[in-house]
Amino acid sequence: MSERFLIEGPENAEFTILLAHGAGAPMDSASMTAAASALSAKGFRVARFEFGYMASRRMSGDRKPPPRAETLNPEYRDAIAEFGAKGPLIIGGKSMGGRVASMIAGDLHAEGKIAGLLCLGYPFHPPGKPEQLRTQHLKGLTTPALICQGTRDEFGTREEVAGYELSDGIEILWLEDGDHDLKPRKKISGFSAADHLATMAETVHVWAGGLKR
């Protein structure tokens, strides 16, 4: 296996989770690292990878805007093939990474290559542009999916998402007062970031237990 992946969790885990990063932060961002640690602590083998544009940023320092999400679909497929998970695989990611995974999940699940889809802070729309929905492909999604979303996420709040037409196969975990990184304001919500990460990981653990192997 190449050095392309950051891996943690037991090698003999029942499920492997492959995660891609968001549009503006790398695979080793604080948010991605915290999420991966919480999931691996629940017994998952977690692998993170970067799209080519983000890897190039590390080399050049150039902060060009990311490419359109759909153009990254082939890269995600390549990462799955390169990683070569043994046993059931769940794909997903943070924000844009989860969106890219969601666009290829239907075919991959139908082909028996993945067991499910996990999105951490799904970008239902750009911040401040609720009319620009990114949900069309989610209406008929047949892949079992879990979206973990903060109730005040500027990419899709609980009130906004309640009005969307989504597949019955999509479950949503709402984390009270969480932002796009699932972080709450403790003085307002009574929850800490660690509380929400623990809830997220436990929910993923229970959800994964119901997936068809």
C-alpha atoms as a PDB file:
ATOM      1  CA  MET A   1       0.000   0.000   0.000  1.00  0.00           C
ATOM      2  CA  SER A   2       1.293   3.468  -0.877  1.00  0.00           C
ATOM      3  CA  GLU A   3       1.933   6.359   1.496  1.00  0.00           C
ATOM      4  CA  ARG A   4      -1.149   8.021   0.083  1.00  0.00           C
ATOM      5  CA  PHE A   5      -3.267   6.927   3.049  1.00  0.00           C
ATOM      6  CA  LEU A   6      -3.369   7.799   6.736  1.00  0.00           C
ATOM      7  CA  ILE A   7      -4.559   4.653   8.515  1.00  0.00           C
ATOM      8  CA  GLU A   8      -5.570   3.920  12.080  1.00  0.00           C
ATOM      9  CA  GLY A   9      -7.600   1.291  13.850  1.00  0.00           C
ATOM     10  CA  PRO A  10      -7.293  -2.492  14.057  1.00  0.00           C
ATOM     11  CA  GLU A  11      -6.218  -4.424  10.960  1.00  0.00           C
ATOM     12  CA  ASN A  12      -8.832  -7.078  11.684  1.00  0.00           C
ATOM     13  CA  ALA A  13     -11.703  -4.589  11.996  1.00  0.00           C
ATOM     14  CA  GLU A  14     -15.053  -5.792  10.681  1.00  0.00           C
ATOM     15  CA  PHE A  15     -15.500  -2.571   8.698  1.00  0.00           C
ATOM     16  CA  THR A  16     -13.070  -0.221   6.998  1.00  0.00           C
ATOM     17  CA  ILE A  17     -14.055   3.418   6.501  1.00  0.00           C
ATOM     18  CA  LEU A  18     -12.391   5.382   3.702  1.00  0.00           C
ATOM     19  CA  LEU A  19     -12.662   9.152   4.144  1.00  0.00           C
ATOM     20  CA  ALA A  20     -11.881  12.056   1.836  1.00  0.00           C
ATOM     21  CA  HIS A  21     -11.303  15.617   3.026  1.00  0.00           C
ATOM     22  CA  GLY A  22     -13.314  18.796   2.511  1.00  0.00           C
ATOM     23  CA  ALA A  23     -12.703  21.420  -0.161  1.00  0.00           C
ATOM     24  CA  GLY A  24     -10.370  23.656   1.810  1.00  0.00           C
ATOM     25  CA  ALA A  25      -8.623  21.538   4.440  1.00  0.00           C
ATOM     26  CA  PRO A  26      -6.323  18.493   4.065  1.00  0.00           C
ATOM     27  CA  MET A  27      -6.785  14.952   5.303  1.00  0.00           C
ATOM     28  CA  ASP A  28      -4.814  15.682   8.471  1.00  0.00           C
ATOM     29  CA  SER A  29      -6.866  18.725   9.493  1.00  0.00           C
ATOM     30  CA  ALA A  30      -7.943  18.912  13.115  1.00  0.00           C
ATOM     31  CA  SER A  31     -11.519  18.027  12.192  1.00  0.00           C
ATOM     32  CA  MET A  32     -10.577  14.998  10.083  1.00  0.00           C
ATOM     33  CA  THR A  33      -8.072  13.778  12.651  1.00  0.00           C
ATOM     34  CA  ALA A  34     -10.566  14.026  15.497  1.00  0.00           C
ATOM     35  CA  ALA A  35     -13.260  12.201  13.529  1.00  0.00           C
ATOM     36  CA  ALA A  36     -10.886   9.422  12.473  1.00  0.00           C
ATOM     37  CA  SER A  37      -9.680   8.967  16.048  1.00  0.00           C
ATOM     38  CA  ALA A  38     -13.233   8.742  17.377  1.00  0.00           C
ATOM     39  CA  LEU A  39     -14.185   6.153  14.750  1.00  0.00           C
ATOM     40  CA  SER A  40     -11.069   4.037  15.210  1.00  0.00           C
ATOM     41  CA  ALA A  41     -11.706   4.027  18.965  1.00  0.00           C
ATOM     42  CA  LYS A  42     -14.997   2.244  18.194  1.00  0.00           C
ATOM     43  CA  GLY A  43     -13.159  -0.520  16.381  1.00  0.00           C
ATOM     44  CA  PHE A  44     -13.248   0.725  12.791  1.00  0.00           C
ATOM     45  CA  ARG A  45     -10.203   0.706  10.550  1.00  0.00           C
ATOM     46  CA  VAL A  46     -10.132   4.252   9.201  1.00  0.00           C
ATOM     47  CA  ALA A  47      -8.173   5.386   6.153  1.00  0.00           C
ATOM     48  CA  ARG A  48      -7.882   8.966   4.938  1.00  0.00           C
ATOM     49  CA  PHE A  49      -6.627  10.149   1.555  1.00  0.00           C
ATOM     50  CA  GLU A  50      -6.213  13.371  -0.402  1.00  0.00           C
ATOM     51  CA  PHE A  51      -7.319  14.347  -3.862  1.00  0.00           C
ATOM     52  CA  GLY A  52      -4.584  15.409  -6.230  1.00  0.00           C
ATOM     53  CA  TYR A  53      -5.237  19.146  -5.970  1.00  0.00           C
ATOM     54  CA  MET A  54      -4.812  19.082  -2.188  1.00  0.00           C
ATOM     55  CA  ALA A  55      -1.648  16.986  -2.391  1.00  0.00           C
ATOM     56  CA  SER A  56      -0.283  19.543  -4.876  1.00  0.00           C
ATOM     57  CA  ARG A  57      -0.984  22.333  -2.412  1.00  0.00           C
ATOM     58  CA  ARG A  58       1.358  20.676   0.059  1.00  0.00           C
ATOM     59  CA  MET A  59       4.132  20.744  -2.509  1.00  0.00           C
ATOM     60  CA  SER A  60       3.620  24.190  -3.994  1.00  0.00           C
ATOM     61  CA  GLY A  61       1.727  26.143  -1.361  1.00  0.00           C
ATOM     62  CA  ASP A  62      -0.561  27.326  -4.152  1.00  0.00           C
ATOM     63  CA  ARG A  63      -4.112  27.856  -2.892  1.00  0.00           C
ATOM     64  CA  LYS A  64      -6.030  27.644  -6.134  1.00  0.00           C
ATOM     65  CA  PRO A  65      -9.746  26.912  -5.715  1.00  0.00           C
ATOM     66  CA  PRO A  66     -10.645  23.218  -5.686  1.00  0.00           C
ATOM     67  CA  PRO A  67     -12.019  21.673  -8.877  1.00  0.00           C
ATOM     68  CA  ARG A  68     -15.718  20.957  -9.298  1.00  0.00           C
ATOM     69  CA  ALA A  69     -16.719  18.101  -7.027  1.00  0.00           C
ATOM     70  CA  GLU A  70     -17.967  15.838  -9.802  1.00  0.00           C
ATOM     71  CA  THR A  71     -14.591  15.946 -11.549  1.00  0.00           C
ATOM     72  CA  LEU A  72     -13.109  14.184  -8.520  1.00  0.00           C
ATOM     73  CA  ASN A  73     -15.292  11.091  -8.875  1.00  0.00           C
ATOM     74  CA  PRO A  74     -12.638   9.136 -10.817  1.00  0.00           C
ATOM     75  CA  GLU A  75     -10.007   9.984  -8.190  1.00  0.00           C
ATOM     76  CA  TYR A  76     -12.199   8.593  -5.441  1.00  0.00           C
ATOM     77  CA  ARG A  77     -12.746   5.392  -7.419  1.00  0.00           C
ATOM     78  CA  ASP A  78      -8.997   5.105  -7.946  1.00  0.00           C
ATOM     79  CA  ALA A  79      -8.386   5.532  -4.212  1.00  0.00           C
ATOM     80  CA  ILE A  80     -10.803   2.699  -3.442  1.00  0.00           C
ATOM     81  CA  ALA A  81      -9.031   0.424  -5.890  1.00  0.00           C
ATOM     82  CA  GLU A  82      -5.576   1.404  -4.652  1.00  0.00           C
ATOM     83  CA  PHE A  83      -6.468   0.926  -1.009  1.00  0.00           C
ATOM     84  CA  GLY A  84      -7.871  -2.550  -1.629  1.00  0.00           C
ATOM     85  CA  ALA A  85      -9.892  -2.959   1.557  1.00  0.00           C
ATOM     86  CA  LYS A  86     -10.366  -6.483   2.821  1.00  0.00           C
ATOM     87  CA  GLY A  87     -13.898  -6.982   4.014  1.00  0.00           C
ATOM     88  CA  PRO A  88     -16.838  -4.552   4.069  1.00  0.00           C
ATOM     89  CA  LEU A  89     -15.987  -0.991   3.058  1.00  0.00           C
ATOM     90  CA  ILE A  90     -17.814   2.215   3.948  1.00  0.00           C
ATOM     91  CA  ILE A  91     -16.882   5.276   1.893  1.00  0.00           C
ATOM     92  CA  GLY A  92     -17.459   8.912   2.720  1.00  0.00           C
ATOM     93  CA  GLY A  93     -15.753  12.008   3.930  1.00  0.00           C
ATOM     94  CA  LYS A  94     -15.898  15.480   5.345  1.00  0.00           C
ATOM     95  CA  SER A  95     -18.072  17.992   3.459  1.00  0.00           C
ATOM     96  CA  MET A  96     -16.990  17.884  -0.196  1.00  0.00           C
ATOM     97  CA  GLY A  97     -15.298  14.522   0.342  1.00  0.00           C
ATOM     98  CA  GLY A  98     -18.604  13.055   1.445  1.00  0.00           C
ATOM     99  CA  ARG A  99     -20.374  14.694  -1.476  1.00  0.00           C
ATOM    100  CA  VAL A 100     -17.975  13.124  -3.968  1.00  0.00           C
ATOM    101  CA  ALA A 101     -18.415   9.745  -2.287  1.00  0.00           C
ATOM    102  CA  SER A 102     -22.189  10.138  -2.459  1.00  0.00           C
ATOM    103  CA  MET A 103     -22.031  10.629  -6.236  1.00  0.00           C
ATOM    104  CA  ILE A 104     -20.295   7.287  -6.818  1.00  0.00           C
ATOM    105  CA  ALA A 105     -21.879   5.318  -3.975  1.00  0.00           C
ATOM    106  CA  GLY A 106     -24.925   4.115  -5.918  1.00  0.00           C
ATOM    107  CA  ASP A 107     -22.996   2.279  -8.611  1.00  0.00           C
ATOM    108  CA  LEU A 108     -20.393   0.930  -6.195  1.00  0.00           C
ATOM    109  CA  HIS A 109     -23.041  -0.454  -3.857  1.00  0.00           C
ATOM    110  CA  ALA A 110     -24.902  -2.067  -6.747  1.00  0.00           C
ATOM    111  CA  GLU A 111     -21.622  -3.692  -7.787  1.00  0.00           C
ATOM    112  CA  GLY A 112     -21.114  -5.047  -4.264  1.00  0.00           C
ATOM    113  CA  LYS A 113     -17.959  -2.982  -3.724  1.00  0.00           C
ATOM    114  CA  ILE A 114     -19.133  -0.945  -0.733  1.00  0.00           C
ATOM    115  CA  ALA A 115     -21.447  -1.541   2.211  1.00  0.00           C
ATOM    116  CA  GLY A 116     -22.495   2.031   2.900  1.00  0.00           C
ATOM    117  CA  LEU A 117     -21.897   5.784   2.761  1.00  0.00           C
ATOM    118  CA  LEU A 118     -20.877   8.052   5.656  1.00  0.00           C
ATOM    119  CA  CYS A 119     -20.960  11.852   5.327  1.00  0.00           C
ATOM    120  CA  LEU A 120     -19.607  14.146   8.034  1.00  0.00           C
ATOM    121  CA  GLY A 121     -21.143  17.581   7.522  1.00  0.00           C
ATOM    122  CA  TYR A 122     -22.796  17.203   4.125  1.00  0.00           C
ATOM    123  CA  PRO A 123     -22.721  20.404   1.995  1.00  0.00           C
ATOM    124  CA  PHE A 124     -26.395  20.504   1.033  1.00  0.00           C
ATOM    125  CA  HIS A 125     -25.853  23.986  -0.419  1.00  0.00           C
ATOM    126  CA  PRO A 126     -23.133  26.659  -0.453  1.00  0.00           C
ATOM    127  CA  PRO A 127     -23.181  28.925   2.620  1.00  0.00           C
ATOM    128  CA  GLY A 128     -25.652  31.744   2.160  1.00  0.00           C
ATOM    129  CA  LYS A 129     -27.093  30.192  -1.019  1.00  0.00           C
ATOM    130  CA  PRO A 130     -29.847  27.825   0.124  1.00  0.00           C
ATOM    131  CA  GLU A 131     -31.395  27.861  -3.350  1.00  0.00           C
ATOM    132  CA  GLN A 132     -28.345  26.112  -4.849  1.00  0.00           C
ATOM    133  CA  LEU A 133     -29.155  22.615  -3.629  1.00  0.00           C
ATOM    134  CA  ARG A 134     -26.780  19.679  -4.076  1.00  0.00           C
ATOM    135  CA  THR A 135     -29.376  17.031  -3.384  1.00  0.00           C
ATOM    136  CA  GLN A 136     -30.679  15.849  -6.756  1.00  0.00           C
ATOM    137  CA  HIS A 137     -28.692  12.606  -6.708  1.00  0.00           C
ATOM    138  CA  LEU A 138     -29.684  11.937  -3.100  1.00  0.00           C
ATOM    139  CA  LYS A 139     -33.359  11.548  -3.953  1.00  0.00           C
ATOM    140  CA  GLY A 140     -32.965   8.120  -5.512  1.00  0.00           C
ATOM    141  CA  LEU A 141     -29.870   6.922  -3.668  1.00  0.00           C
ATOM    142  CA  THR A 142     -30.172   3.194  -2.934  1.00  0.00           C
ATOM    143  CA  THR A 143     -26.978   2.919  -0.876  1.00  0.00           C
ATOM    144  CA  PRO A 144     -27.461   2.818   2.911  1.00  0.00           C
ATOM    145  CA  ALA A 145     -26.220   6.202   4.081  1.00  0.00           C
ATOM    146  CA  LEU A 146     -25.630   8.049   7.328  1.00  0.00           C
ATOM    147  CA  ILE A 147     -25.178  11.815   7.393  1.00  0.00           C
ATOM    148  CA  CYS A 148     -23.863  13.360  10.611  1.00  0.00           C
ATOM    149  CA  GLN A 149     -24.828  17.024  10.632  1.00  0.00           C
ATOM    150  CA  GLY A 150     -24.713  19.896  13.093  1.00  0.00           C
ATOM    151  CA  THR A 151     -28.067  21.620  13.599  1.00  0.00           C
ATOM    152  CA  ARG A 152     -26.529  25.041  12.792  1.00  0.00           C
ATOM    153  CA  ASP A 153     -24.354  23.903   9.892  1.00  0.00           C
ATOM    154  CA  GLU A 154     -24.295  26.775   7.396  1.00  0.00           C
ATOM    155  CA  PHE A 155     -24.208  24.219   4.574  1.00  0.00           C
ATOM    156  CA  GLY A 156     -27.591  22.862   5.674  1.00  0.00           C
ATOM    157  CA  THR A 157     -29.382  23.423   8.974  1.00  0.00           C
ATOM    158  CA  ARG A 158     -31.923  21.082  10.526  1.00  0.00           C
ATOM    159  CA  GLU A 159     -34.768  23.407   9.511  1.00  0.00           C
ATOM    160  CA  GLU A 160     -33.580  23.563   5.896  1.00  0.00           C
ATOM    161  CA  VAL A 161     -32.925  19.854   5.473  1.00  0.00           C
ATOM    162  CA  ALA A 162     -36.356  18.993   6.883  1.00  0.00           C
ATOM    163  CA  GLY A 163     -37.844  20.295   3.626  1.00  0.00           C
ATOM    164  CA  TYR A 164     -35.605  18.336   1.260  1.00  0.00           C
ATOM    165  CA  GLU A 165     -36.630  15.255  -0.692  1.00  0.00           C
ATOM    166  CA  LEU A 166     -34.106  12.592   0.271  1.00  0.00           C
ATOM    167  CA  SER A 167     -33.933   8.828  -0.175  1.00  0.00           C
ATOM    168  CA  ASP A 168     -35.468   6.709   2.561  1.00  0.00           C
ATOM    169  CA  GLY A 169     -32.100   4.954   2.758  1.00  0.00           C
ATOM    170  CA  ILE A 170     -30.482   8.091   4.195  1.00  0.00           C
ATOM    171  CA  GLU A 171     -30.378   8.456   7.961  1.00  0.00           C
ATOM    172  CA  ILE A 172     -29.386  11.749   9.557  1.00  0.00           C
ATOM    173  CA  LEU A 173     -27.801  12.168  12.965  1.00  0.00           C
ATOM    174  CA  TRP A 174     -28.445  15.710  14.172  1.00  0.00           C
ATOM    175  CA  LEU A 175     -25.885  17.020  16.634  1.00  0.00           C
ATOM    176  CA  GLU A 176     -27.281  19.877  18.700  1.00  0.00           C
ATOM    177  CA  ASP A 177     -25.748  23.294  17.923  1.00  0.00           C
ATOM    178  CA  GLY A 178     -22.991  21.651  15.849  1.00  0.00           C
ATOM    179  CA  ASP A 179     -21.323  23.668  13.099  1.00  0.00           C
ATOM    180  CA  HIS A 180     -19.870  22.326   9.827  1.00  0.00           C
ATOM    181  CA  ASP A 181     -17.169  20.548  11.862  1.00  0.00           C
ATOM    182  CA  LEU A 182     -19.875  19.195  14.214  1.00  0.00           C
ATOM    183  CA  LYS A 183     -18.561  21.473  16.977  1.00  0.00           C
ATOM    184  CA  PRO A 184     -21.153  22.928  19.396  1.00  0.00           C
ATOM    185  CA  ARG A 185     -20.971  25.994  21.607  1.00  0.00           C
ATOM    186  CA  LYS A 186     -20.833  24.389  25.032  1.00  0.00           C
ATOM    187  CA  LYS A 187     -22.253  27.393  26.896  1.00  0.00           C
ATOM    188  CA  ILE A 188     -25.304  27.308  24.638  1.00  0.00           C
ATOM    189  CA  SER A 189     -25.809  23.587  24.024  1.00  0.00           C
ATOM    190  CA  GLY A 190     -24.244  21.994  27.081  1.00  0.00           C
ATOM    191  CA  PHE A 191     -22.253  19.691  24.790  1.00  0.00           C
ATOM    192  CA  SER A 192     -18.544  19.675  24.020  1.00  0.00           C
ATOM    193  CA  ALA A 193     -16.899  18.765  20.721  1.00  0.00           C
ATOM    194  CA  ALA A 194     -15.731  15.529  22.352  1.00  0.00           C
ATOM    195  CA  ASP A 195     -19.338  14.731  23.312  1.00  0.00           C
ATOM    196  CA  HIS A 196     -20.515  15.098  19.724  1.00  0.00           C
ATOM    197  CA  LEU A 197     -17.630  13.069  18.312  1.00  0.00           C
ATOM    198  CA  ALA A 198     -18.397  10.263  20.747  1.00  0.00           C
ATOM    199  CA  THR A 199     -22.075  10.347  19.761  1.00  0.00           C
ATOM    200  CA  MET A 200     -21.123  10.353  16.092  1.00  0.00           C
ATOM    201  CA  ALA A 201     -18.818   7.351  16.471  1.00  0.00           C
ATOM    202  CA  GLU A 202     -21.312   5.352  18.511  1.00  0.00           C
ATOM    203  CA  THR A 203     -24.085   6.092  16.008  1.00  0.00           C
ATOM    204  CA  VAL A 204     -21.863   4.965  13.132  1.00  0.00           C
ATOM    205  CA  HIS A 205     -21.051   1.798  15.081  1.00  0.00           C
ATOM    206  CA  VAL A 206     -24.733   0.946  15.561  1.00  0.00           C
ATOM    207  CA  TRP A 207     -25.618   1.900  11.987  1.00  0.00           C
ATOM    208  CA  ALA A 208     -22.831  -0.187  10.507  1.00  0.00           C
ATOM    209  CA  GLY A 209     -23.995  -3.164  12.517  1.00  0.00           C
ATOM    210  CA  GLY A 210     -27.206  -3.145  10.504  1.00  0.00           C
ATOM    211  CA  LEU A 211     -25.557  -3.070   7.075  1.00  0.00           C
ATOM    212  CA  LYS A 212     -25.700  -6.119   4.837  1.00  0.00           C
ATOM    213  CA  ARG A 213     -22.263  -7.731   4.612  1.00  0.00           C
END
